[in-house]
C-alpha atoms as a PDB file:
ATOM      1  CA  MET A   1     -60.042  22.202  10.742  1.00  0.00           C
ATOM      2  CA  GLU A   2     -61.098  21.220   7.240  1.00  0.00           C
ATOM      3  CA  SER A   3     -63.258  23.557   5.163  1.00  0.00           C
ATOM      4  CA  ASP A   4     -66.244  21.170   5.222  1.00  0.00           C
ATOM      5  CA  ASP A   5     -66.034  20.938   9.041  1.00  0.00           C
ATOM      6  CA  LEU A   6     -67.097  24.539   9.759  1.00  0.00           C
ATOM      7  CA  HIS A   7     -69.076  25.622  12.822  1.00  0.00           C
ATOM      8  CA  SER A   8     -70.922  28.885  13.444  1.00  0.00           C
ATOM      9  CA  PHE A   9     -70.612  30.938  16.608  1.00  0.00           C
ATOM     10  CA  ARG A  10     -72.602  33.980  17.713  1.00  0.00           C
ATOM     11  CA  ILE A  11     -70.398  36.871  18.859  1.00  0.00           C
ATOM     12  CA  ALA A  12     -71.660  39.870  20.850  1.00  0.00           C
ATOM     13  CA  VAL A  13     -69.612  43.025  20.249  1.00  0.00           C
ATOM     14  CA  TYR A  14     -69.507  45.885  22.785  1.00  0.00           C
ATOM     15  CA  ARG A  15     -67.822  49.277  22.736  1.00  0.00           C
ATOM     16  CA  ALA A  16     -65.221  49.268  25.512  1.00  0.00           C
ATOM     17  CA  PRO A  17     -62.526  51.678  26.688  1.00  0.00           C
ATOM     18  CA  GLY A  18     -59.826  51.669  24.012  1.00  0.00           C
ATOM     19  CA  GLY A  19     -61.800  49.738  21.409  1.00  0.00           C
ATOM     20  CA  TYR A  20     -64.296  46.891  21.212  1.00  0.00           C
ATOM     21  CA  LEU A  21     -64.896  43.673  23.148  1.00  0.00           C
ATOM     22  CA  ALA A  22     -66.180  40.527  21.431  1.00  0.00           C
ATOM     23  CA  ILE A  23     -67.738  37.836  23.639  1.00  0.00           C
ATOM     24  CA  VAL A  24     -68.439  34.433  22.097  1.00  0.00           C
ATOM     25  CA  ASP A  25     -71.809  32.941  23.108  1.00  0.00           C
ATOM     26  CA  GLY A  26     -71.737  29.287  24.045  1.00  0.00           C
ATOM     27  CA  VAL A  27     -67.965  29.052  24.569  1.00  0.00           C
ATOM     28  CA  ARG A  28     -67.249  29.637  28.243  1.00  0.00           C
ATOM     29  CA  GLY A  29     -64.581  32.277  28.884  1.00  0.00           C
ATOM     30  CA  CYS A  30     -64.029  33.039  25.216  1.00  0.00           C
ATOM     31  CA  PHE A  31     -63.570  36.691  24.319  1.00  0.00           C
ATOM     32  CA  ALA A  32     -61.331  39.028  22.326  1.00  0.00           C
ATOM     33  CA  HIS A  33     -60.796  42.728  21.815  1.00  0.00           C
ATOM     34  CA  GLY A  34     -59.778  44.995  18.990  1.00  0.00           C
ATOM     35  CA  ALA A  35     -59.459  48.626  17.925  1.00  0.00           C
ATOM     36  CA  SER A  36     -62.547  48.253  15.690  1.00  0.00           C
ATOM     37  CA  GLU A  37     -65.595  45.991  15.632  1.00  0.00           C
ATOM     38  CA  VAL A  38     -64.143  44.104  12.672  1.00  0.00           C
ATOM     39  CA  GLU A  39     -60.790  43.595  14.404  1.00  0.00           C
ATOM     40  CA  ALA A  40     -62.513  42.360  17.572  1.00  0.00           C
ATOM     41  CA  VAL A  41     -64.489  39.782  15.569  1.00  0.00           C
ATOM     42  CA  GLU A  42     -61.392  38.667  13.646  1.00  0.00           C
ATOM     43  CA  ASN A  43     -59.469  38.312  16.922  1.00  0.00           C
ATOM     44  CA  ALA A  44     -62.391  36.279  18.304  1.00  0.00           C
ATOM     45  CA  ARG A  45     -61.758  33.659  15.591  1.00  0.00           C
ATOM     46  CA  GLY A  46     -58.363  32.888  17.107  1.00  0.00           C
ATOM     47  CA  SER A  47     -59.821  32.944  20.609  1.00  0.00           C
ATOM     48  CA  ILE A  48     -62.484  30.415  19.595  1.00  0.00           C
ATOM     49  CA  ARG A  49     -59.829  28.029  18.281  1.00  0.00           C
ATOM     50  CA  THR A  50     -57.807  28.404  21.488  1.00  0.00           C
ATOM     51  CA  CYS A  51     -60.808  28.003  23.797  1.00  0.00           C
ATOM     52  CA  LEU A  52     -62.061  24.903  21.973  1.00  0.00           C
ATOM     53  CA  ALA A  53     -58.596  23.323  22.035  1.00  0.00           C
ATOM     54  CA  MET A  54     -58.293  23.997  25.778  1.00  0.00           C
ATOM     55  CA  GLU A  55     -61.779  22.579  26.361  1.00  0.00           C
ATOM     56  CA  ARG A  56     -60.847  19.370  24.498  1.00  0.00           C
ATOM     57  CA  MET A  57     -57.613  19.050  26.479  1.00  0.00           C
ATOM     58  CA  LEU A  58     -59.289  19.631  29.838  1.00  0.00           C
ATOM     59  CA  THR A  59     -62.109  17.226  28.989  1.00  0.00           C
ATOM     60  CA  SER A  60     -59.592  14.482  28.287  1.00  0.00           C
ATOM     61  CA  LEU A  61     -57.947  15.073  31.687  1.00  0.00           C
ATOM     62  CA  ARG A  62     -61.174  15.303  33.676  1.00  0.00           C
ATOM     63  CA  ALA A  63     -62.114  12.550  36.091  1.00  0.00           C
ATOM     64  CA  ALA A  64     -65.820  11.877  36.540  1.00  0.00           C
ATOM     65  CA  VAL A  65     -67.167  10.871  39.937  1.00  0.00           C
ATOM     66  CA  GLU A  66     -70.732   9.969  40.784  1.00  0.00           C
ATOM     67  CA  VAL A  67     -71.962  10.957  44.238  1.00  0.00           C
ATOM     68  CA  ARG A  68     -75.271   9.883  45.774  1.00  0.00           C
ATOM     69  CA  ILE A  69     -76.890  11.741  48.617  1.00  0.00           C
ATOM     70  CA  ARG A  70     -80.097  11.387  50.560  1.00  0.00           C
ATOM     71  CA  PRO A  71     -82.409  14.420  50.361  1.00  0.00           C
END
């Protein structure tokens, strides 16, 4: 990702057993953990990259089907 192609993500950080949990809003299934709040957020950066790459890959493999039903 180029420096002028930056995106912002909101991350919720929670105290969890053994450290902290960071959950990324708006990126389904994207989370990270760390020993401190800062470490959890830094680890979330890598998780965001991985989740977005997986989303792009799965989107390219997805088949779309339109189904019509009568109510």
